[in-house]
């Protein structure tokens, strides 16, 4: 045996050089070596947990970007009171037929609805409202902001 052959690894049996041999070696070791099996299961569980957190973080980041893009496309602020804080804003059906639209499209709101809007090339008939204005219009048929604006315009 020469020094060159030792440095090239020719003195060792390396099953990982051939993928089929590597798989057979790992299967055999997994079946016969309890410590190896437990370590392998622990590594898999840790890897799963790490990926789960990373995937969830990427998903939250992607969903937030989509919400911002949607809100910006439809004006970027509440059409009623002018609120601009993104966490307070939502998309509203101008016609007021949101429930019917949700049943027809299967979009229950949130990110699924934002994806639907984007995939349909930002259709007309939607506006940005803050959650307060949206709830007031949905519950009472008008927003108190509009009522106050009308009173202010009438008194001038």
C-alpha atoms as a PDB file:
ATOM      1  CA  UNK A   1       0.000   0.000   0.000  1.00  0.00           C
ATOM      2  CA  UNK A   2       1.410   3.378  -1.015  1.00  0.00           C
ATOM      3  CA  UNK A   3       1.030   6.757   0.652  1.00  0.00           C
ATOM      4  CA  UNK A   4      -0.905   8.017  -2.382  1.00  0.00           C
ATOM      5  CA  UNK A   5      -3.372   5.115  -2.164  1.00  0.00           C
ATOM      6  CA  UNK A   6      -3.937   5.826   1.547  1.00  0.00           C
ATOM      7  CA  UNK A   7      -4.490   9.547   0.892  1.00  0.00           C
ATOM      8  CA  UNK A   8      -6.966   8.693  -1.895  1.00  0.00           C
ATOM      9  CA  UNK A   9      -8.937   6.502   0.494  1.00  0.00           C
ATOM     10  CA  UNK A  10      -8.217   3.280  -1.324  1.00  0.00           C
ATOM     11  CA  UNK A  11      -7.412   1.557   1.966  1.00  0.00           C
ATOM     12  CA  UNK A  12     -10.926   2.044   3.359  1.00  0.00           C
ATOM     13  CA  UNK A  13     -14.227   0.487   2.429  1.00  0.00           C
ATOM     14  CA  UNK A  14     -16.514   3.448   1.739  1.00  0.00           C
ATOM     15  CA  UNK A  15     -20.052   2.312   0.966  1.00  0.00           C
ATOM     16  CA  UNK A  16     -21.219   5.920   0.345  1.00  0.00           C
ATOM     17  CA  UNK A  17     -19.258   6.131  -2.896  1.00  0.00           C
ATOM     18  CA  UNK A  18     -21.899   3.917  -4.495  1.00  0.00           C
ATOM     19  CA  UNK A  19     -25.490   5.069  -3.703  1.00  0.00           C
ATOM     20  CA  UNK A  20     -26.906   1.539  -3.812  1.00  0.00           C
ATOM     21  CA  UNK A  21     -24.243   0.253  -1.437  1.00  0.00           C
ATOM     22  CA  UNK A  22     -24.845   3.227   0.874  1.00  0.00           C
ATOM     23  CA  UNK A  23     -28.589   2.527   1.026  1.00  0.00           C
ATOM     24  CA  UNK A  24     -27.984  -1.176   1.750  1.00  0.00           C
ATOM     25  CA  UNK A  25     -25.424  -0.312   4.454  1.00  0.00           C
ATOM     26  CA  UNK A  26     -27.783   2.176   6.142  1.00  0.00           C
ATOM     27  CA  UNK A  27     -30.758  -0.199   5.973  1.00  0.00           C
ATOM     28  CA  UNK A  28     -28.710  -2.972   7.540  1.00  0.00           C
ATOM     29  CA  UNK A  29     -27.293  -0.718  10.259  1.00  0.00           C
ATOM     30  CA  UNK A  30     -30.739   0.750  11.008  1.00  0.00           C
ATOM     31  CA  UNK A  31     -32.165  -2.773  11.373  1.00  0.00           C
ATOM     32  CA  UNK A  32     -29.378  -4.120  13.588  1.00  0.00           C
ATOM     33  CA  UNK A  33     -28.017  -1.167  15.602  1.00  0.00           C
ATOM     34  CA  UNK A  34     -30.516   0.135  18.186  1.00  0.00           C
ATOM     35  CA  UNK A  35     -28.413   3.205  19.101  1.00  0.00           C
ATOM     36  CA  UNK A  36     -28.077   4.173  15.434  1.00  0.00           C
ATOM     37  CA  UNK A  37     -31.846   3.793  14.955  1.00  0.00           C
ATOM     38  CA  UNK A  38     -32.650   5.973  17.982  1.00  0.00           C
ATOM     39  CA  UNK A  39     -30.147   8.625  16.913  1.00  0.00           C
ATOM     40  CA  UNK A  40     -31.587   8.595  13.397  1.00  0.00           C
ATOM     41  CA  UNK A  41     -35.130   9.029  14.707  1.00  0.00           C
ATOM     42  CA  UNK A  42     -34.024  11.887  16.977  1.00  0.00           C
ATOM     43  CA  UNK A  43     -32.261  13.634  14.069  1.00  0.00           C
ATOM     44  CA  UNK A  44     -35.387  13.251  11.934  1.00  0.00           C
ATOM     45  CA  UNK A  45     -37.639  14.675  14.637  1.00  0.00           C
ATOM     46  CA  UNK A  46     -35.306  17.640  15.201  1.00  0.00           C
ATOM     47  CA  UNK A  47     -35.038  18.281  11.469  1.00  0.00           C
ATOM     48  CA  UNK A  48     -38.838  18.175  11.165  1.00  0.00           C
ATOM     49  CA  UNK A  49     -39.290  20.680  13.996  1.00  0.00           C
ATOM     50  CA  UNK A  50     -36.657  23.020  12.545  1.00  0.00           C
ATOM     51  CA  UNK A  51     -38.208  22.893   9.092  1.00  0.00           C
ATOM     52  CA  UNK A  52     -41.710  23.328  10.477  1.00  0.00           C
ATOM     53  CA  UNK A  53     -40.720  26.583  12.153  1.00  0.00           C
ATOM     54  CA  UNK A  54     -38.834  27.804   9.077  1.00  0.00           C
ATOM     55  CA  UNK A  55     -41.714  26.957   6.742  1.00  0.00           C
ATOM     56  CA  UNK A  56     -44.221  28.653   9.045  1.00  0.00           C
ATOM     57  CA  UNK A  57     -42.032  31.774   9.253  1.00  0.00           C
ATOM     58  CA  UNK A  58     -41.678  31.901   5.460  1.00  0.00           C
ATOM     59  CA  UNK A  59     -45.413  31.403   5.061  1.00  0.00           C
ATOM     60  CA  UNK A  60     -46.202  34.255   7.473  1.00  0.00           C
ATOM     61  CA  UNK A  61     -43.742  36.521   5.642  1.00  0.00           C
ATOM     62  CA  UNK A  62     -45.193  35.623   2.220  1.00  0.00           C
ATOM     63  CA  UNK A  63     -48.792  36.084   3.445  1.00  0.00           C
ATOM     64  CA  UNK A  64     -47.974  39.483   4.957  1.00  0.00           C
ATOM     65  CA  UNK A  65     -46.386  40.603   1.675  1.00  0.00           C
ATOM     66  CA  UNK A  66     -49.500  39.493  -0.203  1.00  0.00           C
ATOM     67  CA  UNK A  67     -51.778  41.399   2.186  1.00  0.00           C
ATOM     68  CA  UNK A  68     -49.671  44.541   1.815  1.00  0.00           C
ATOM     69  CA  UNK A  69     -49.661  44.182  -1.982  1.00  0.00           C
ATOM     70  CA  UNK A  70     -53.462  43.741  -2.020  1.00  0.00           C
ATOM     71  CA  UNK A  71     -54.127  46.662   0.319  1.00  0.00           C
ATOM     72  CA  UNK A  72     -51.773  48.908  -1.693  1.00  0.00           C
ATOM     73  CA  UNK A  73     -53.467  47.934  -4.962  1.00  0.00           C
ATOM     74  CA  UNK A  74     -56.894  48.934  -3.635  1.00  0.00           C
ATOM     75  CA  UNK A  75     -55.745  52.286  -2.271  1.00  0.00           C
ATOM     76  CA  UNK A  76     -53.594  51.655   0.797  1.00  0.00           C
ATOM     77  CA  UNK A  77     -55.900  53.328   3.329  1.00  0.00           C
ATOM     78  CA  UNK A  78     -59.441  53.059   4.691  1.00  0.00           C
ATOM     79  CA  UNK A  79     -61.863  54.563   2.170  1.00  0.00           C
ATOM     80  CA  UNK A  80     -64.003  55.837   5.048  1.00  0.00           C
ATOM     81  CA  UNK A  81     -61.744  57.167   7.819  1.00  0.00           C
ATOM     82  CA  UNK A  82     -58.295  57.148   6.150  1.00  0.00           C
ATOM     83  CA  UNK A  83     -56.643  54.628   8.536  1.00  0.00           C
ATOM     84  CA  UNK A  84     -53.285  53.435   7.143  1.00  0.00           C
ATOM     85  CA  UNK A  85     -52.002  50.911   9.728  1.00  0.00           C
ATOM     86  CA  UNK A  86     -51.918  47.652   7.760  1.00  0.00           C
ATOM     87  CA  UNK A  87     -52.982  45.451  10.705  1.00  0.00           C
ATOM     88  CA  UNK A  88     -56.262  47.397  10.959  1.00  0.00           C
ATOM     89  CA  UNK A  89     -57.180  47.185   7.262  1.00  0.00           C
ATOM     90  CA  UNK A  90     -59.329  44.700   5.351  1.00  0.00           C
ATOM     91  CA  UNK A  91     -60.803  44.310   1.885  1.00  0.00           C
ATOM     92  CA  UNK A  92     -64.534  45.005   1.583  1.00  0.00           C
ATOM     93  CA  UNK A  93     -67.014  44.193  -1.182  1.00  0.00           C
ATOM     94  CA  UNK A  94     -68.384  47.574  -2.305  1.00  0.00           C
ATOM     95  CA  UNK A  95     -71.704  45.993  -3.263  1.00  0.00           C
ATOM     96  CA  UNK A  96     -72.087  44.422   0.170  1.00  0.00           C
ATOM     97  CA  UNK A  97     -72.512  40.873  -1.202  1.00  0.00           C
ATOM     98  CA  UNK A  98     -69.450  39.402   0.510  1.00  0.00           C
ATOM     99  CA  UNK A  99     -71.252  36.381   1.923  1.00  0.00           C
ATOM    100  CA  UNK A 100     -72.636  35.443  -1.491  1.00  0.00           C
ATOM    101  CA  UNK A 101     -69.214  35.942  -3.090  1.00  0.00           C
ATOM    102  CA  UNK A 102     -67.530  33.742  -0.451  1.00  0.00           C
ATOM    103  CA  UNK A 103     -70.025  30.941  -1.134  1.00  0.00           C
ATOM    104  CA  UNK A 104     -69.520  31.184  -4.915  1.00  0.00           C
ATOM    105  CA  UNK A 105     -65.718  31.234  -4.825  1.00  0.00           C
ATOM    106  CA  UNK A 106     -65.020  29.172  -1.713  1.00  0.00           C
ATOM    107  CA  UNK A 107     -62.772  31.970  -0.378  1.00  0.00           C
ATOM    108  CA  UNK A 108     -63.487  32.411   3.312  1.00  0.00           C
ATOM    109  CA  UNK A 109     -61.267  35.467   3.605  1.00  0.00           C
ATOM    110  CA  UNK A 110     -57.735  36.314   4.563  1.00  0.00           C
ATOM    111  CA  UNK A 111     -54.842  35.059   2.478  1.00  0.00           C
ATOM    112  CA  UNK A 112     -57.038  32.781   0.359  1.00  0.00           C
ATOM    113  CA  UNK A 113     -59.119  35.800  -0.632  1.00  0.00           C
ATOM    114  CA  UNK A 114     -56.004  37.883  -1.344  1.00  0.00           C
ATOM    115  CA  UNK A 115     -54.708  35.092  -3.603  1.00  0.00           C
ATOM    116  CA  UNK A 116     -58.055  34.992  -5.391  1.00  0.00           C
ATOM    117  CA  UNK A 117     -57.956  38.753  -5.984  1.00  0.00           C
ATOM    118  CA  UNK A 118     -54.408  38.596  -7.344  1.00  0.00           C
ATOM    119  CA  UNK A 119     -55.088  35.581  -9.585  1.00  0.00           C
ATOM    120  CA  UNK A 120     -58.132  37.383 -11.033  1.00  0.00           C
ATOM    121  CA  UNK A 121     -56.026  40.490 -11.808  1.00  0.00           C
ATOM    122  CA  UNK A 122     -57.406  42.710  -9.046  1.00  0.00           C
ATOM    123  CA  UNK A 123     -61.084  42.951 -10.117  1.00  0.00           C
ATOM    124  CA  UNK A 124     -63.110  46.105  -9.495  1.00  0.00           C
ATOM    125  CA  UNK A 125     -65.826  46.189  -6.842  1.00  0.00           C
ATOM    126  CA  UNK A 126     -63.569  46.000  -3.803  1.00  0.00           C
ATOM    127  CA  UNK A 127     -62.232  48.652  -1.453  1.00  0.00           C
ATOM    128  CA  UNK A 128     -60.062  48.972   1.624  1.00  0.00           C
ATOM    129  CA  UNK A 129     -61.800  49.586   4.953  1.00  0.00           C
ATOM    130  CA  UNK A 130     -60.503  49.418   8.489  1.00  0.00           C
ATOM    131  CA  UNK A 131     -62.086  46.706  10.616  1.00  0.00           C
ATOM    132  CA  UNK A 132     -64.134  49.265  12.580  1.00  0.00           C
ATOM    133  CA  UNK A 133     -65.689  50.809   9.470  1.00  0.00           C
ATOM    134  CA  UNK A 134     -66.204  47.384   7.910  1.00  0.00           C
ATOM    135  CA  UNK A 135     -68.040  46.084  11.004  1.00  0.00           C
ATOM    136  CA  UNK A 136     -70.155  49.222  11.308  1.00  0.00           C
ATOM    137  CA  UNK A 137     -71.224  49.058   7.662  1.00  0.00           C
ATOM    138  CA  UNK A 138     -71.926  45.326   7.957  1.00  0.00           C
ATOM    139  CA  UNK A 139     -73.894  45.642  11.207  1.00  0.00           C
ATOM    140  CA  UNK A 140     -75.610  49.001  10.855  1.00  0.00           C
ATOM    141  CA  UNK A 141     -75.553  49.693   7.124  1.00  0.00           C
ATOM    142  CA  UNK A 142     -73.523  52.883   7.593  1.00  0.00           C
ATOM    143  CA  UNK A 143     -70.300  53.990   9.198  1.00  0.00           C
ATOM    144  CA  UNK A 144     -70.320  56.539  12.030  1.00  0.00           C
ATOM    145  CA  UNK A 145     -67.425  58.311  10.298  1.00  0.00           C
ATOM    146  CA  UNK A 146     -69.665  59.057   7.325  1.00  0.00           C
ATOM    147  CA  UNK A 147     -72.470  60.189   9.618  1.00  0.00           C
ATOM    148  CA  UNK A 148     -70.110  62.616  11.402  1.00  0.00           C
ATOM    149  CA  UNK A 149     -68.731  63.926   8.095  1.00  0.00           C
ATOM    150  CA  UNK A 150     -72.261  64.652   6.847  1.00  0.00           C
ATOM    151  CA  UNK A 151     -73.068  66.536  10.085  1.00  0.00           C
ATOM    152  CA  UNK A 152     -69.815  68.508   9.820  1.00  0.00           C
ATOM    153  CA  UNK A 153     -70.531  69.450   6.173  1.00  0.00           C
ATOM    154  CA  UNK A 154     -74.121  70.442   7.002  1.00  0.00           C
ATOM    155  CA  UNK A 155     -73.111  72.755   9.850  1.00  0.00           C
ATOM    156  CA  UNK A 156     -70.641  74.756   7.764  1.00  0.00           C
END
